[in-house]
Amino acid sequence: MDKTVATFKKNKFQEIRVGIREFKGNDLIDIRTWTMTQGTEEMVPTAKGVSINVHLIDDLKKALSRAEEVLRENGLA
């Protein structure tokens, strides 16, 4: 399965895409920077990102929740 589940702007020429994909028989959560190709408006994936086995989704959610807590504690969110 290759499915983008969320997209948000990183800057004028890049976006972050969160998706579910399969690679070598493994189902992965893929969080990746996509960039606009020069001279066009086509977006292509970059090497900047991370792919995490779907079985680790609870650990990922806990880590992001903890990061949000720390940001709030420090007045950054």
C-alpha atoms as a PDB file:
ATOM      1  CA  MET A   1       0.000   0.000   0.000  1.00  0.00           C
ATOM      2  CA  ASP A   2       1.320   3.432  -0.927  1.00  0.00           C
ATOM      3  CA  LYS A   3      -0.925   6.143   0.482  1.00  0.00           C
ATOM      4  CA  THR A   4      -0.256   9.736   1.530  1.00  0.00           C
ATOM      5  CA  VAL A   5      -2.256  10.501   4.673  1.00  0.00           C
ATOM      6  CA  ALA A   6      -1.119  14.078   5.411  1.00  0.00           C
ATOM      7  CA  THR A   7       0.730  16.910   3.704  1.00  0.00           C
ATOM      8  CA  PHE A   8       1.820  20.275   5.076  1.00  0.00           C
ATOM      9  CA  LYS A   9       4.045  23.102   3.831  1.00  0.00           C
ATOM     10  CA  LYS A  10       7.626  23.254   5.095  1.00  0.00           C
ATOM     11  CA  ASN A  11       8.488  26.382   3.113  1.00  0.00           C
ATOM     12  CA  LYS A  12       7.787  27.988  -0.273  1.00  0.00           C
ATOM     13  CA  PHE A  13       9.332  25.137  -2.273  1.00  0.00           C
ATOM     14  CA  GLN A  14       9.016  22.122   0.035  1.00  0.00           C
ATOM     15  CA  GLU A  15       6.374  20.146   1.875  1.00  0.00           C
ATOM     16  CA  ILE A  16       6.311  17.333   4.406  1.00  0.00           C
ATOM     17  CA  ARG A  17       4.321  14.251   3.463  1.00  0.00           C
ATOM     18  CA  VAL A  18       3.289  11.533   5.876  1.00  0.00           C
ATOM     19  CA  GLY A  19       2.362   8.275   4.264  1.00  0.00           C
ATOM     20  CA  ILE A  20       2.075   4.543   4.533  1.00  0.00           C
ATOM     21  CA  ARG A  21       4.155   2.501   2.127  1.00  0.00           C
ATOM     22  CA  GLU A  22       5.506  -0.975   1.588  1.00  0.00           C
ATOM     23  CA  PHE A  23       9.210  -1.585   1.041  1.00  0.00           C
ATOM     24  CA  LYS A  24      10.801  -5.027   0.712  1.00  0.00           C
ATOM     25  CA  GLY A  25       7.801  -6.673   2.349  1.00  0.00           C
ATOM     26  CA  ASN A  26       7.667  -4.243   5.288  1.00  0.00           C
ATOM     27  CA  ASP A  27       4.812  -1.820   5.949  1.00  0.00           C
ATOM     28  CA  LEU A  28       6.249   1.572   6.882  1.00  0.00           C
ATOM     29  CA  ILE A  29       5.191   4.995   8.093  1.00  0.00           C
ATOM     30  CA  ASP A  30       7.127   7.395   5.872  1.00  0.00           C
ATOM     31  CA  ILE A  31       7.691  11.021   6.923  1.00  0.00           C
ATOM     32  CA  ARG A  32       9.564  12.767   4.138  1.00  0.00           C
ATOM     33  CA  THR A  33      10.439  16.151   2.665  1.00  0.00           C
ATOM     34  CA  TRP A  34       9.236  16.627  -0.906  1.00  0.00           C
ATOM     35  CA  THR A  35      10.606  19.446  -3.052  1.00  0.00           C
ATOM     36  CA  MET A  36       9.482  21.268  -6.170  1.00  0.00           C
ATOM     37  CA  THR A  37      11.567  20.423  -9.219  1.00  0.00           C
ATOM     38  CA  GLN A  38      13.314  23.394 -10.772  1.00  0.00           C
ATOM     39  CA  GLY A  39      11.299  24.963 -13.573  1.00  0.00           C
ATOM     40  CA  THR A  40       8.119  23.019 -12.814  1.00  0.00           C
ATOM     41  CA  GLU A  41       5.590  22.695 -10.034  1.00  0.00           C
ATOM     42  CA  GLU A  42       6.050  18.929  -9.752  1.00  0.00           C
ATOM     43  CA  MET A  43       6.895  17.679  -6.253  1.00  0.00           C
ATOM     44  CA  VAL A  44       9.441  14.870  -5.858  1.00  0.00           C
ATOM     45  CA  PRO A  45      10.621  13.037  -2.718  1.00  0.00           C
ATOM     46  CA  THR A  46      14.020  13.798  -1.225  1.00  0.00           C
ATOM     47  CA  ALA A  47      16.327  11.615   0.843  1.00  0.00           C
ATOM     48  CA  LYS A  48      15.447  13.769   3.869  1.00  0.00           C
ATOM     49  CA  GLY A  49      13.015  11.786   5.938  1.00  0.00           C
ATOM     50  CA  VAL A  50      12.448   8.705   8.002  1.00  0.00           C
ATOM     51  CA  SER A  51      10.645   5.418   7.481  1.00  0.00           C
ATOM     52  CA  ILE A  52       9.437   3.590  10.580  1.00  0.00           C
ATOM     53  CA  ASN A  53       7.886   0.132  10.802  1.00  0.00           C
ATOM     54  CA  VAL A  54       4.117   0.462  11.341  1.00  0.00           C
ATOM     55  CA  HIS A  55       4.432  -1.691  14.470  1.00  0.00           C
ATOM     56  CA  LEU A  56       6.250   1.245  16.110  1.00  0.00           C
ATOM     57  CA  ILE A  57       3.371   3.719  15.677  1.00  0.00           C
ATOM     58  CA  ASP A  58       2.583   3.792  19.411  1.00  0.00           C
ATOM     59  CA  ASP A  59       6.224   4.602  20.217  1.00  0.00           C
ATOM     60  CA  LEU A  60       6.202   7.350  17.579  1.00  0.00           C
ATOM     61  CA  LYS A  61       3.005   8.870  18.992  1.00  0.00           C
ATOM     62  CA  LYS A  62       4.454   8.816  22.535  1.00  0.00           C
ATOM     63  CA  ALA A  63       7.663  10.486  21.336  1.00  0.00           C
ATOM     64  CA  LEU A  64       5.747  13.231  19.504  1.00  0.00           C
ATOM     65  CA  SER A  65       3.473  13.785  22.508  1.00  0.00           C
ATOM     66  CA  ARG A  66       6.522  14.112  24.760  1.00  0.00           C
ATOM     67  CA  ALA A  67       8.131  16.559  22.318  1.00  0.00           C
ATOM     68  CA  GLU A  68       4.931  18.632  22.390  1.00  0.00           C
ATOM     69  CA  GLU A  69       4.954  18.614  26.214  1.00  0.00           C
ATOM     70  CA  VAL A  70       8.548  19.880  26.288  1.00  0.00           C
ATOM     71  CA  LEU A  71       7.741  22.590  23.734  1.00  0.00           C
ATOM     72  CA  ARG A  72       4.785  23.766  25.823  1.00  0.00           C
ATOM     73  CA  GLU A  73       6.823  23.682  29.047  1.00  0.00           C
ATOM     74  CA  ASN A  74       9.353  25.959  27.375  1.00  0.00           C
ATOM     75  CA  GLY A  75       6.805  28.314  25.816  1.00  0.00           C
ATOM     76  CA  LEU A  76       7.568  27.193  22.287  1.00  0.00           C
ATOM     77  CA  ALA A  77       4.133  25.827  21.369  1.00  0.00           C
END
